[in-house]
Amino acid sequence: MIYEQRTYTLHPGKVPEYLQHMKAVLAVREKYSKLVGFWSTEIGELNQVVHIWAYDDLAHRAEVRAAVAKEPEWQAFLGKIHPLLLRMESKILTPADFSPLR
């Protein structure tokens, strides 16, 4: 199992709008892989959302991303959120052997 941590930095004040769009399309995205968690920042660097998705491996991640990209609802979602984004960061996390998320 691997996890992808995605951090999006949004234009100031755009976090609520982004979250509204994400909530509306979440069921489409969750058909393909498990959402581990979704957060927004309150202290530190502001105007960020962080979400973590679980995958079997990197091949599974590639398959999921290709399948989701074909969904019309997801395509519409991307058109709505791209103007809100300043920066995107993605990290692949591998759990330690003692991690409860393995």
C-alpha atoms as a PDB file:
ATOM      1  CA  MET A   1       0.000   0.000   0.000  1.00  0.00           C
ATOM      2  CA  ILE A   2       1.194   3.512  -0.817  1.00  0.00           C
ATOM      3  CA  TYR A   3      -0.327   6.888  -0.083  1.00  0.00           C
ATOM      4  CA  GLU A   4      -0.332  10.053  -2.132  1.00  0.00           C
ATOM      5  CA  GLN A   5      -0.345  13.320  -0.220  1.00  0.00           C
ATOM      6  CA  ARG A   6      -1.517  16.198  -2.389  1.00  0.00           C
ATOM      7  CA  THR A   7      -1.172  19.782  -1.155  1.00  0.00           C
ATOM      8  CA  TYR A   8      -2.834  22.563  -3.097  1.00  0.00           C
ATOM      9  CA  THR A   9      -2.139  26.204  -2.365  1.00  0.00           C
ATOM     10  CA  LEU A  10      -5.091  28.324  -3.403  1.00  0.00           C
ATOM     11  CA  HIS A  11      -5.606  31.993  -4.063  1.00  0.00           C
ATOM     12  CA  PRO A  12      -6.406  33.782  -0.776  1.00  0.00           C
ATOM     13  CA  GLY A  13      -9.977  33.202   0.329  1.00  0.00           C
ATOM     14  CA  LYS A  14     -10.673  30.417  -2.200  1.00  0.00           C
ATOM     15  CA  VAL A  15     -10.519  27.405   0.133  1.00  0.00           C
ATOM     16  CA  PRO A  16     -14.300  27.351   0.808  1.00  0.00           C
ATOM     17  CA  GLU A  17     -15.068  27.456  -2.924  1.00  0.00           C
ATOM     18  CA  TYR A  18     -12.567  24.678  -3.635  1.00  0.00           C
ATOM     19  CA  LEU A  19     -14.018  22.509  -0.852  1.00  0.00           C
ATOM     20  CA  GLN A  20     -17.540  23.039  -2.190  1.00  0.00           C
ATOM     21  CA  HIS A  21     -16.490  21.851  -5.658  1.00  0.00           C
ATOM     22  CA  MET A  22     -14.587  18.874  -4.203  1.00  0.00           C
ATOM     23  CA  LYS A  23     -17.500  17.807  -2.030  1.00  0.00           C
ATOM     24  CA  ALA A  24     -19.778  17.811  -5.079  1.00  0.00           C
ATOM     25  CA  VAL A  25     -17.499  15.468  -7.081  1.00  0.00           C
ATOM     26  CA  LEU A  26     -16.075  13.337  -4.265  1.00  0.00           C
ATOM     27  CA  ALA A  27     -18.312  10.311  -4.926  1.00  0.00           C
ATOM     28  CA  VAL A  28     -16.991  10.128  -8.498  1.00  0.00           C
ATOM     29  CA  ARG A  29     -13.383  10.197  -7.284  1.00  0.00           C
ATOM     30  CA  GLU A  30     -13.966   7.676  -4.491  1.00  0.00           C
ATOM     31  CA  LYS A  31     -15.191   5.065  -6.980  1.00  0.00           C
ATOM     32  CA  TYR A  32     -11.549   4.527  -7.899  1.00  0.00           C
ATOM     33  CA  SER A  33      -9.481   4.728  -4.698  1.00  0.00           C
ATOM     34  CA  LYS A  34      -9.879   5.343  -0.994  1.00  0.00           C
ATOM     35  CA  LEU A  35      -9.721   8.827   0.477  1.00  0.00           C
ATOM     36  CA  VAL A  36      -7.702   8.620   3.699  1.00  0.00           C
ATOM     37  CA  GLY A  37      -8.352  12.222   4.756  1.00  0.00           C
ATOM     38  CA  PHE A  38      -8.973  15.770   3.593  1.00  0.00           C
ATOM     39  CA  TRP A  39      -7.885  18.889   5.491  1.00  0.00           C
ATOM     40  CA  SER A  40      -7.518  22.638   5.186  1.00  0.00           C
ATOM     41  CA  THR A  41      -4.865  24.649   7.007  1.00  0.00           C
ATOM     42  CA  GLU A  42      -5.644  26.986   9.901  1.00  0.00           C
ATOM     43  CA  ILE A  43      -2.132  27.671  11.247  1.00  0.00           C
ATOM     44  CA  GLY A  44       1.125  27.950   9.324  1.00  0.00           C
ATOM     45  CA  GLU A  45       0.918  28.387   5.568  1.00  0.00           C
ATOM     46  CA  LEU A  46      -2.700  29.320   4.938  1.00  0.00           C
ATOM     47  CA  ASN A  47      -4.968  28.859   1.922  1.00  0.00           C
ATOM     48  CA  GLN A  48      -4.009  25.214   1.555  1.00  0.00           C
ATOM     49  CA  VAL A  49      -5.904  21.964   1.295  1.00  0.00           C
ATOM     50  CA  VAL A  50      -4.215  18.626   1.899  1.00  0.00           C
ATOM     51  CA  HIS A  51      -5.666  15.286   0.896  1.00  0.00           C
ATOM     52  CA  ILE A  52      -4.322  11.756   1.080  1.00  0.00           C
ATOM     53  CA  TRP A  53      -5.367   8.890  -1.197  1.00  0.00           C
ATOM     54  CA  ALA A  54      -4.552   5.182  -0.803  1.00  0.00           C
ATOM     55  CA  TYR A  55      -3.306   3.013  -3.678  1.00  0.00           C
ATOM     56  CA  ASP A  56      -2.078  -0.556  -3.969  1.00  0.00           C
ATOM     57  CA  ASP A  57       1.078   0.615  -5.768  1.00  0.00           C
ATOM     58  CA  LEU A  58       2.270   3.137  -8.369  1.00  0.00           C
ATOM     59  CA  ALA A  59       0.685   1.149 -11.204  1.00  0.00           C
ATOM     60  CA  HIS A  60      -2.682   1.288  -9.424  1.00  0.00           C
ATOM     61  CA  ARG A  61      -2.272   5.041  -8.980  1.00  0.00           C
ATOM     62  CA  ALA A  62      -1.623   5.457 -12.714  1.00  0.00           C
ATOM     63  CA  GLU A  63      -4.691   3.346 -13.563  1.00  0.00           C
ATOM     64  CA  VAL A  64      -6.889   5.341 -11.185  1.00  0.00           C
ATOM     65  CA  ARG A  65      -5.719   8.692 -12.503  1.00  0.00           C
ATOM     66  CA  ALA A  66      -6.350   7.592 -16.105  1.00  0.00           C
ATOM     67  CA  ALA A  67      -9.842   6.314 -15.284  1.00  0.00           C
ATOM     68  CA  VAL A  68     -10.850   9.378 -13.257  1.00  0.00           C
ATOM     69  CA  ALA A  69      -9.637  11.679 -16.040  1.00  0.00           C
ATOM     70  CA  LYS A  70     -12.261  10.133 -18.361  1.00  0.00           C
ATOM     71  CA  GLU A  71     -15.166  10.978 -16.040  1.00  0.00           C
ATOM     72  CA  PRO A  72     -17.190  13.954 -17.380  1.00  0.00           C
ATOM     73  CA  GLU A  73     -17.949  15.179 -13.847  1.00  0.00           C
ATOM     74  CA  TRP A  74     -14.235  15.141 -13.011  1.00  0.00           C
ATOM     75  CA  GLN A  75     -13.379  17.049 -16.174  1.00  0.00           C
ATOM     76  CA  ALA A  76     -15.960  19.707 -15.257  1.00  0.00           C
ATOM     77  CA  PHE A  77     -14.541  19.855 -11.717  1.00  0.00           C
ATOM     78  CA  LEU A  78     -11.026  20.475 -13.037  1.00  0.00           C
ATOM     79  CA  GLY A  79     -12.294  23.366 -15.130  1.00  0.00           C
ATOM     80  CA  LYS A  80     -13.783  24.951 -12.009  1.00  0.00           C
ATOM     81  CA  ILE A  81     -10.793  24.517  -9.710  1.00  0.00           C
ATOM     82  CA  HIS A  82      -7.824  25.291 -11.959  1.00  0.00           C
ATOM     83  CA  PRO A  83      -8.423  29.068 -11.723  1.00  0.00           C
ATOM     84  CA  LEU A  84      -8.384  28.744  -7.904  1.00  0.00           C
ATOM     85  CA  LEU A  85      -4.948  27.074  -7.733  1.00  0.00           C
ATOM     86  CA  LEU A  86      -1.590  28.737  -7.219  1.00  0.00           C
ATOM     87  CA  ARG A  87       0.522  25.618  -6.643  1.00  0.00           C
ATOM     88  CA  MET A  88       0.151  21.854  -6.463  1.00  0.00           C
ATOM     89  CA  GLU A  89       2.499  19.446  -4.688  1.00  0.00           C
ATOM     90  CA  SER A  90       2.277  15.665  -4.685  1.00  0.00           C
ATOM     91  CA  LYS A  91       4.252  13.221  -2.527  1.00  0.00           C
ATOM     92  CA  ILE A  92       4.173   9.442  -2.535  1.00  0.00           C
ATOM     93  CA  LEU A  93       4.378   8.109   1.018  1.00  0.00           C
ATOM     94  CA  THR A  94       5.308   4.560   1.949  1.00  0.00           C
ATOM     95  CA  PRO A  95       4.317   3.447   5.448  1.00  0.00           C
ATOM     96  CA  ALA A  96       6.871   2.274   7.977  1.00  0.00           C
ATOM     97  CA  ASP A  97       6.476  -1.363   9.011  1.00  0.00           C
ATOM     98  CA  PHE A  98       4.980  -0.256  12.354  1.00  0.00           C
ATOM     99  CA  SER A  99       2.513   2.244  10.873  1.00  0.00           C
ATOM    100  CA  PRO A 100      -1.173   1.537  11.522  1.00  0.00           C
ATOM    101  CA  LEU A 101      -1.777   2.518   7.874  1.00  0.00           C
ATOM    102  CA  ARG A 102       0.006  -0.287   5.996  1.00  0.00           C
END
